[in-house]
Structures are given as C-alpha cells and as structure tokens.
Protein backbone atom coordinates (compact mmCIF):
# COMPACT_ATOMS: atom_id res chain seq x y z
CA UNK A 1 37.80 32.18 -45.96
CA UNK A 2 38.34 35.50 -46.99
CA UNK A 3 39.10 36.12 -50.39
CA UNK A 4 42.10 37.56 -52.01
CA UNK A 5 40.39 40.42 -53.76
CA UNK A 6 38.81 42.05 -50.47
CA UNK A 7 42.14 42.38 -49.24
CA UNK A 8 43.51 43.74 -52.37
CA UNK A 9 40.89 46.42 -52.73
CA UNK A 10 42.11 47.69 -49.12
CA UNK A 11 45.96 47.89 -49.78
CA UNK A 12 45.51 49.26 -53.44
CA UNK A 13 44.33 52.66 -51.80
CA UNK A 14 46.84 52.83 -49.21
CA UNK A 15 50.17 51.52 -50.40
CA UNK A 16 52.67 52.19 -53.34
CA UNK A 17 54.27 49.23 -54.63
CA UNK A 18 57.45 49.02 -56.97
CA UNK A 19 57.00 47.92 -60.44
CA UNK A 20 58.49 44.74 -60.09
CA UNK A 21 56.42 44.10 -57.10
CA UNK A 22 53.35 45.25 -58.61
CA UNK A 23 54.02 42.87 -61.27
CA UNK A 24 54.48 39.54 -59.45
CA UNK A 25 51.66 40.27 -57.49
CA UNK A 26 49.38 40.62 -60.65
CA UNK A 27 50.79 37.44 -61.72
CA UNK A 28 49.79 35.56 -58.26
CA UNK A 29 46.48 37.13 -58.27
CA UNK A 30 45.95 35.75 -61.82
CA UNK A 31 47.26 32.41 -61.20
CA UNK A 32 45.07 32.35 -57.65
CA UNK A 33 42.05 33.22 -59.92
CA UNK A 34 42.60 30.55 -62.43
CA UNK A 35 42.94 28.13 -59.10
CA UNK A 36 46.59 27.63 -60.25
CA UNK A 37 47.95 28.00 -56.59
CA UNK A 38 51.17 26.58 -56.91
CA UNK A 39 52.16 29.33 -59.68
CA UNK A 40 50.34 31.80 -57.36
CA UNK A 41 52.75 30.99 -54.50
CA UNK A 42 55.73 31.11 -56.72
CA UNK A 43 54.82 34.69 -57.76
CA UNK A 44 53.76 35.86 -54.46
CA UNK A 45 57.23 34.54 -53.27
CA UNK A 46 58.94 36.69 -55.69
CA UNK A 47 57.12 39.79 -55.01
CA UNK A 48 58.13 39.20 -51.19
CA UNK A 49 61.75 39.99 -52.42
CA UNK A 50 60.65 43.33 -54.04
CA UNK A 51 59.16 44.82 -50.97
CA UNK A 52 60.50 45.69 -47.25
CA UNK A 53 57.04 45.24 -45.90
CA UNK A 54 55.10 42.69 -48.00
CA UNK A 55 51.80 42.77 -46.35
CA UNK A 56 49.52 42.23 -49.10
CA UNK A 57 52.11 39.64 -50.61
CA UNK A 58 52.52 37.73 -47.43
CA UNK A 59 48.84 37.54 -47.08
CA UNK A 60 48.12 36.23 -50.59
CA UNK A 61 51.18 33.72 -50.13
CA UNK A 62 49.14 32.42 -46.92
CA UNK A 63 45.95 32.05 -49.26
CA UNK A 64 47.87 29.91 -52.06
CA UNK A 65 49.39 27.89 -49.55
CA UNK A 66 46.01 27.35 -47.81
CA UNK A 67 44.47 26.58 -50.84
CA UNK A 68 47.24 23.68 -51.46
CA UNK A 69 46.28 22.38 -47.68
CA UNK A 70 49.92 23.29 -46.38
CA UNK A 71 48.30 24.26 -43.14
CA UNK A 72 51.60 24.69 -40.91
CA UNK A 73 53.11 26.94 -43.64
CA UNK A 74 49.88 28.91 -44.19
CA UNK A 75 49.43 29.35 -40.50
CA UNK A 76 53.11 31.04 -40.21
CA UNK A 77 52.18 33.48 -43.18
CA UNK A 78 49.15 34.45 -41.58
CA UNK A 79 50.70 35.04 -38.29
CA UNK A 80 53.36 37.15 -40.36
CA UNK A 81 50.75 39.36 -42.14
CA UNK A 82 48.75 39.88 -39.15
CA UNK A 83 52.08 41.24 -37.44
CA UNK A 84 53.08 43.44 -40.16
CA UNK A 85 50.01 45.55 -40.67
CA UNK A 86 48.41 48.08 -38.16
CA UNK A 87 45.21 47.90 -40.15
CA UNK A 88 42.61 47.05 -38.18
CA UNK A 89 40.41 45.49 -41.00
CA UNK A 90 43.43 43.54 -42.62
CA UNK A 91 44.36 42.21 -39.27
CA UNK A 92 40.83 40.68 -38.72
CA UNK A 93 40.94 39.25 -41.90
CA UNK A 94 44.12 37.42 -41.36
CA UNK A 95 43.33 36.25 -37.89
CA UNK A 96 40.02 34.74 -39.46
CA UNK A 97 41.79 32.96 -41.83
CA UNK A 98 44.78 31.76 -39.22
CA UNK A 99 41.53 30.51 -37.33
CA UNK A 100 40.73 28.36 -40.21
CA UNK A 101 43.91 27.01 -40.61
CA UNK A 102 43.89 25.76 -36.98
CA UNK A 103 40.60 24.24 -37.41
CA UNK A 104 41.83 22.18 -40.74
CA UNK A 105 44.66 20.97 -38.17
CA UNK A 106 42.15 20.21 -35.19
CA UNK A 107 43.69 22.68 -33.00
CA UNK A 108 40.35 24.04 -31.86
CA UNK A 109 41.46 26.12 -28.82
CA UNK A 110 43.80 28.11 -30.83
CA UNK A 111 41.09 28.41 -33.64
CA UNK A 112 38.62 29.63 -31.01
CA UNK A 113 41.45 32.54 -29.90
CA UNK A 114 42.23 33.49 -33.28
CA UNK A 115 38.52 33.80 -34.12
CA UNK A 116 37.90 35.73 -30.93
CA UNK A 117 40.77 38.22 -31.63
CA UNK A 118 39.42 38.78 -35.17
CA UNK A 119 36.00 39.75 -33.48
CA UNK A 120 37.60 41.96 -31.17
CA UNK A 121 38.68 43.94 -34.29
CA UNK A 122 35.45 43.44 -36.50
CA UNK A 123 32.65 42.55 -34.23
CA UNK A 124 29.93 42.77 -37.39
CA UNK A 125 31.78 39.57 -39.15
CA UNK A 126 29.17 37.28 -39.31
CA UNK A 127 31.43 34.88 -41.22
CA UNK A 128 33.86 34.96 -38.49
CA UNK A 129 31.15 34.85 -35.70
CA UNK A 130 29.72 31.33 -37.42
CA UNK A 131 33.32 29.82 -37.54
CA UNK A 132 33.61 30.42 -34.05
CA UNK A 133 30.46 28.97 -33.12
CA UNK A 134 31.32 25.81 -35.27
CA UNK A 135 34.82 25.88 -33.53
CA UNK A 136 33.27 26.05 -30.21
CA UNK A 137 30.78 22.89 -31.25
CA UNK A 138 33.79 21.02 -32.46
CA UNK A 139 35.69 21.45 -29.40
CA UNK A 140 32.62 20.42 -27.17
CA UNK A 141 32.29 17.10 -29.42
CA UNK A 142 36.36 16.70 -29.48
CA UNK A 143 35.92 16.76 -25.54
CA UNK A 144 33.20 14.52 -25.33
CA UNK A 145 34.88 11.71 -27.31
CA UNK A 146 37.96 12.24 -25.42
CA UNK A 147 35.89 11.59 -22.31
CA UNK A 148 34.07 8.54 -23.77
CA UNK A 149 37.63 7.57 -24.73
CA UNK A 150 39.11 7.79 -21.48
CA UNK A 151 35.87 5.85 -19.89
CA UNK A 152 36.43 2.92 -22.44
CA UNK A 153 39.90 2.87 -21.71
CA UNK A 154 39.16 2.80 -17.75
CA UNK A 155 36.64 0.29 -18.42
CA UNK A 156 38.65 -1.82 -20.18
CA UNK A 157 41.61 -1.92 -18.06
CA UNK A 158 39.26 -2.72 -15.06
CA UNK A 159 37.73 -5.59 -17.38
CA UNK A 160 41.41 -6.82 -17.79
CA UNK A 161 42.29 -6.54 -13.92
CA UNK A 162 39.48 -8.34 -13.22
CA UNK A 163 40.19 -11.42 -15.78
CA UNK A 164 43.53 -11.28 -14.46
CA UNK A 165 42.24 -11.75 -10.69
CA UNK A 166 39.71 -14.46 -11.65
CA UNK A 167 42.30 -16.19 -13.26
CA UNK A 168 44.78 -16.01 -10.48
CA UNK A 169 41.98 -16.98 -7.93
CA UNK A 170 41.17 -20.09 -10.27
CA UNK A 171 44.74 -20.86 -10.38
CA UNK A 172 45.17 -20.51 -6.90
CA UNK A 173 42.07 -22.73 -6.23
CA UNK A 174 43.51 -25.71 -8.33
CA UNK A 175 46.68 -25.57 -6.47
CA UNK A 176 44.69 -25.88 -3.26
CA UNK A 177 43.06 -28.73 -4.48
CA UNK A 178 45.91 -30.20 -5.80
CA UNK A 179 47.74 -29.94 -2.60
CA UNK A 180 44.98 -31.09 -0.41
CA UNK A 181 44.34 -34.33 -2.65
CA UNK A 182 48.03 -34.96 -2.46
CA UNK A 183 48.20 -34.86 1.60
CA UNK A 184 44.79 -36.42 2.06
CA UNK A 185 44.65 -40.62 2.43
CA UNK A 186 41.83 -42.60 2.23
CA UNK A 187 40.79 -44.42 5.91
CA UNK A 188 41.31 -47.96 4.69
CA UNK A 189 44.96 -46.98 3.15
CA UNK A 190 45.77 -45.05 6.40
CA UNK A 191 45.24 -48.62 8.38
CA UNK A 192 46.57 -50.71 5.63
CA UNK A 193 50.10 -49.16 5.26
CA UNK A 194 52.75 -51.78 5.66
CA UNK A 195 50.58 -54.77 6.05
CA UNK A 196 48.06 -55.55 3.22
CA UNK A 197 46.32 -58.30 5.27
CA UNK A 198 45.91 -55.79 8.23
CA UNK A 199 42.33 -55.36 7.21
CA UNK A 200 41.37 -58.80 6.65
CA UNK A 201 39.51 -59.25 10.31
CA UNK A 202 37.29 -55.92 9.74
CA UNK A 203 36.33 -57.16 6.42
CA UNK A 204 35.54 -60.59 7.87
CA UNK A 205 33.66 -58.95 10.80
CA UNK A 206 31.97 -56.74 8.31
CA UNK A 207 30.63 -59.64 6.45
CA UNK A 208 29.27 -61.57 9.59
CA UNK A 209 32.46 -63.86 9.75
CA UNK A 210 34.75 -64.78 12.73
CA UNK A 211 38.36 -63.82 12.33
CA UNK A 212 40.39 -66.43 10.55
CA UNK A 213 43.48 -67.50 12.44
CA UNK A 214 46.86 -66.92 11.25
CA UNK A 215 48.00 -69.53 8.57
CA UNK A 216 50.74 -72.26 9.89
CA UNK A 217 52.78 -74.20 7.43
CA UNK A 218 51.96 -77.84 6.68
CA UNK A 219 55.15 -79.20 8.21
CA UNK A 220 54.32 -77.27 11.59
CA UNK A 221 50.70 -78.55 11.21
CA UNK A 222 51.94 -82.35 11.25
CA UNK A 223 53.93 -81.87 14.39
CA UNK A 224 51.23 -80.40 16.02
CA UNK A 225 48.92 -83.42 14.93
CA UNK A 226 51.92 -85.86 16.09
CA UNK A 227 52.13 -84.03 19.54
CA UNK A 228 48.84 -84.39 20.11
CA UNK A 229 48.78 -88.00 19.34
CA UNK A 230 51.36 -88.46 21.76
CA UNK A 231 49.61 -86.72 24.47
CA UNK A 232 46.67 -88.63 23.94
CA UNK A 233 48.46 -92.16 23.93
CA UNK A 234 50.32 -91.00 27.28
CA UNK A 235 46.93 -89.88 28.86
CA UNK A 236 45.10 -93.16 27.82
CA UNK A 237 48.26 -94.87 29.32
CA UNK A 238 47.86 -93.11 32.79
CA UNK A 239 44.12 -93.88 32.79
CA UNK A 240 44.59 -97.75 32.20
CA UNK A 241 47.24 -97.79 35.05
CA UNK A 242 45.00 -95.98 37.51
CA UNK A 243 42.32 -98.23 36.74
CA UNK A 244 44.32 -101.51 37.48
CA UNK A 245 45.35 -100.02 40.72
CA UNK A 246 41.52 -99.36 42.08
CA UNK A 247 40.27 -102.77 41.47
CA UNK A 248 39.94 -105.14 44.85
CA UNK A 249 42.80 -107.63 45.37
CA UNK A 250 41.79 -111.51 45.58
CA UNK A 251 43.24 -113.83 48.25
CA UNK A 252 43.43 -117.71 48.55
CA UNK A 253 41.26 -117.94 51.67
CA UNK A 254 38.38 -116.08 53.13
CA UNK A 255 38.35 -114.47 56.14
C-alpha cells in the first residue's frame, strides 16, 4: 500500500493550508506514524472540517481506515480523494490503494479495474503492476474454484437424482411383486376351492391306488345288506320252483 509520506511531499509544495487544518493533519500524521490509527482518524476528520478541498486529509483518512481494516469506509474515502484532485500522481496513488481495498473484500474484478486505471496514470509503478498480476491470478483461482464448486454441486444433484430414481424403481418393483403374489394361486388351491376332498382321487391315482368310493352311513349300509339278502332269498325260491316243474310226472301204470 502507498505510504502517507509520499503523498504529503507532493501536496506540501502545491497547496496552502490554514493553520487549523495543518495542525490537525500534523496530529494525524504523528498518530499514524505511531500506528495509532484511531487517533489519526479523529485528527484527519477534524482537518476535513477546516478545508474546502481536503485532498490530503481525505487520502490520509482513507489510509487510517484501511489500517483499521474498515475496508468499505476506506474504499469510499479513496474514491473521494481520487475525484477531488487533478494531480495525476496523486490520483494514481489513490486508485492503487482503492484496488487494495477491493482485493481485501474479494472484489477482484473491481480491484483489477482500479489497478489498470492507476497504471494508465503512472505506467512505471511496478508495485501497482505487481498487485495487478496478483489480482489477475487470484481471479483465475477464484473462477476455477467456482467452476469446481458448480461441478461438484451438479454431480451431487445428479447422484441425488439417481438415488431417488433407484429408490423409486425398487419401490415400484416391490409393489409389483406384492401385487403378483396376491393375485396368483397355487394349482392345487385353484382346484380345491370349495371342496377339501376334491383332490383325493388325484392323490390316490398319484399313489397308484384306485379312487375310493364315496362314503355312506352305517344305516344305509345295513339297509343295503338287508335288501341284497331279500333279493337273494327271492332268487333262491324262484330257482327251487323251476326245478320242481322240470321233474317228470310219474303215473300208476305203465304205457
């Protein structure tokens, strides 16, 4: 960053100050040299109340704010000091320091523009050229990091979408399997619905046995036996009668 003394040498030869303004600037310079930047700030602010075109006070106030890492306030004062003077060297220094405040705030595009404007006013300033090169490199790194971050976010989103799709496909497959199992019946279940003994003949045939007749009650079986017995008796009686009729009839005298 440009030192305060370099600017003071320029302004001392070209400007006249009131006694009050000069006194406050001197106080500010002394405090600044002692690295008491807060007191320097107070003195420079008082000096600005004593001068209508406070180029030196504004620039020095910006320096004290910069040293306190109050970047936005310093930025505003450097802009103001650059606009207040027509001195090329002073403007170049203010723009150089303005670029520094932008870099501290990670505003690399603005910093690069400020350094370029400073070099147009003072092309031989190697310090500004060096800071410009640093800012350009930082911008490139920042862009690479941003691209990598965007790529990582894109990849993370793709991975998430794929996981969601895989989970959805798996759920659909499970639902389909559950539906198939609910609708599907085993062959023997389909044949036996409503009749638990319906498959008995098939089972008997598989075992090499003849199909069993339908079961009857004990009473029915008894009646069936009785009926068969009566039929047998009637048949035997009929056969006996026919046997009697077929025998030859004997007479008392021969022919």
